Amino acid sequence: MELFGIGPLELVFIILLVIIIFGPKDIVNASKSLGKNLNKFIRSDTWKTINQTSRELKNLPARLMRETGLDELEKSAKEEMDRVDTAIHESIKPASSPDTPPGTIQEPAGPSITDPSIAPPKKDSPG
């Protein structure tokens, strides 16, 4: 189990460091002052500005795409790529006959390599 990205052993180590640095008596006062300061900071205008800026930066790419119309361009580009992919896949499908099982690649129609009519002429050996 992790708390704020800190494992249990790390948490024990941090607690031991705090006890060593502040001592058992001053831990209560230090934690109270730390809590008050954090509360002041979270309620301050600075923290609100930081949060607002963070949200704006997270939403900036989407906002820029919306304003420039790139989201519509991206959609149309994806649709066009899907259309091209479909056309390519349809054009390379082998022609299958009813007696050929699906997925079997057929030999192309036309002369074969072993056809003697297209074989290269034999060279006469000197001799």
Protein backbone atom coordinates (compact mmCIF):
# COMPACT_ATOMS: atom_id res chain seq x y z
CA MET A 1 0.00 0.00 0.00
CA GLU A 2 1.32 3.42 -0.91
CA LEU A 3 0.31 6.81 0.39
CA PHE A 4 1.26 9.76 -1.85
CA GLY A 5 3.71 7.50 -3.66
CA ILE A 6 5.48 6.64 -0.41
CA GLY A 7 5.76 3.02 0.66
CA PRO A 8 5.43 1.82 4.27
CA LEU A 9 9.17 1.53 4.87
CA GLU A 10 9.77 5.01 3.52
CA LEU A 11 7.01 6.35 5.76
CA VAL A 12 8.62 4.74 8.84
CA PHE A 13 11.97 6.23 7.83
CA ILE A 14 10.44 9.71 7.50
CA ILE A 15 8.73 9.41 10.90
CA LEU A 16 12.04 8.38 12.51
CA LEU A 17 13.79 11.35 10.91
CA VAL A 18 11.11 13.71 12.21
CA ILE A 19 11.43 12.30 15.73
CA ILE A 20 15.21 12.66 15.60
CA ILE A 21 15.12 16.21 14.20
CA PHE A 22 12.33 17.70 16.34
CA GLY A 23 12.37 15.44 19.35
CA PRO A 24 9.27 13.88 20.91
CA LYS A 25 8.19 17.07 22.69
CA ASP A 26 8.42 19.47 19.76
CA ILE A 27 6.66 17.20 17.25
CA VAL A 28 3.23 18.37 18.41
CA ASN A 29 4.10 22.05 18.07
CA ALA A 30 5.84 21.52 14.71
CA SER A 31 2.90 19.58 13.28
CA LYS A 32 0.42 22.25 14.47
CA SER A 33 2.43 25.05 12.88
CA LEU A 34 2.90 22.99 9.70
CA GLY A 35 -0.86 22.34 9.51
CA LYS A 36 -1.70 26.02 10.02
CA ASN A 37 0.77 27.12 7.36
CA LEU A 38 -0.51 24.55 4.87
CA ASN A 39 -4.08 25.63 5.58
CA LYS A 40 -3.16 29.26 4.96
CA PHE A 41 -1.37 28.36 1.75
CA ILE A 42 -4.23 26.25 0.39
CA ARG A 43 -6.75 29.01 1.10
CA SER A 44 -4.50 31.71 -0.37
CA ASP A 45 -4.93 33.36 -3.76
CA THR A 46 -1.54 31.99 -4.79
CA TRP A 47 -2.76 28.39 -4.48
CA LYS A 48 -5.95 29.21 -6.39
CA THR A 49 -3.86 30.77 -9.18
CA ILE A 50 -1.60 27.71 -9.29
CA ASN A 51 -4.61 25.36 -9.55
CA GLN A 52 -6.26 27.47 -12.25
CA THR A 53 -3.05 27.66 -14.28
CA SER A 54 -2.55 23.91 -13.93
CA ARG A 55 -6.07 23.22 -15.24
CA GLU A 56 -5.56 25.61 -18.16
CA LEU A 57 -2.28 23.93 -19.11
CA LYS A 58 -3.89 20.48 -19.00
CA ASN A 59 -6.72 21.64 -21.28
CA LEU A 60 -4.53 23.76 -23.58
CA PRO A 61 -3.91 21.19 -26.35
CA ALA A 62 -7.62 20.32 -26.61
CA ARG A 63 -8.61 23.99 -26.59
CA LEU A 64 -6.07 24.87 -29.28
CA MET A 65 -7.27 22.00 -31.47
CA ARG A 66 -10.86 23.12 -31.03
CA GLU A 67 -10.07 26.75 -31.84
CA THR A 68 -8.05 25.96 -34.95
CA GLY A 69 -10.42 23.28 -36.20
CA LEU A 70 -7.77 20.57 -36.07
CA ASP A 71 -10.09 18.18 -34.26
CA GLU A 72 -12.38 18.10 -37.30
CA LEU A 73 -9.38 17.75 -39.60
CA GLU A 74 -8.08 14.88 -37.46
CA LYS A 75 -11.47 13.12 -37.64
CA SER A 76 -11.63 13.49 -41.42
CA ALA A 77 -8.03 12.26 -41.76
CA LYS A 78 -8.86 9.16 -39.68
CA GLU A 79 -11.95 8.50 -41.79
CA GLU A 80 -9.91 8.84 -44.98
CA MET A 81 -7.21 6.48 -43.66
CA ASP A 82 -9.88 3.93 -42.74
CA ARG A 83 -11.36 4.22 -46.23
CA VAL A 84 -7.94 3.74 -47.84
CA ASP A 85 -7.15 0.77 -45.58
CA THR A 86 -10.45 -0.85 -46.49
CA ALA A 87 -9.80 -0.32 -50.20
CA ILE A 88 -6.30 -1.78 -49.89
CA HIS A 89 -7.51 -4.83 -48.01
CA GLU A 90 -10.27 -5.43 -50.53
CA SER A 91 -7.87 -5.13 -53.48
CA ILE A 92 -5.40 -7.71 -52.13
CA LYS A 93 -7.96 -10.35 -51.23
CA PRO A 94 -7.27 -13.48 -53.32
CA ALA A 95 -10.01 -14.59 -55.63
CA SER A 96 -11.39 -17.73 -54.07
CA SER A 97 -13.32 -20.44 -55.79
CA PRO A 98 -16.04 -22.50 -54.08
CA ASP A 99 -13.77 -25.56 -53.80
CA THR A 100 -10.85 -23.60 -52.27
CA PRO A 101 -10.83 -23.39 -48.46
CA PRO A 102 -10.79 -19.84 -47.05
CA GLY A 103 -7.33 -18.43 -46.39
CA THR A 104 -5.68 -20.50 -49.15
CA ILE A 105 -3.49 -18.49 -51.48
CA GLN A 106 -4.00 -19.38 -55.11
CA GLU A 107 -1.34 -19.46 -57.77
CA PRO A 108 -1.60 -16.57 -60.22
CA ALA A 109 -3.05 -17.38 -63.61
CA GLY A 110 -0.57 -17.29 -66.45
CA PRO A 111 2.53 -19.09 -67.61
CA SER A 112 4.58 -20.82 -64.96
CA ILE A 113 8.32 -20.77 -64.60
CA THR A 114 8.57 -24.38 -65.75
CA ASP A 115 6.72 -23.68 -69.00
CA PRO A 116 9.20 -24.51 -71.82
CA SER A 117 7.79 -21.86 -74.12
CA ILE A 118 9.14 -19.12 -71.86
CA ALA A 119 12.33 -20.86 -70.78
CA PRO A 120 15.56 -19.05 -71.70
CA PRO A 121 17.46 -20.51 -74.66
CA LYS A 122 20.17 -23.03 -73.84
CA LYS A 123 23.70 -21.95 -74.50
CA ASP A 124 25.77 -24.14 -76.74
CA SER A 125 28.82 -25.33 -74.95
CA PRO A 126 32.04 -24.71 -76.81
CA GLY A 127 33.68 -27.86 -77.67
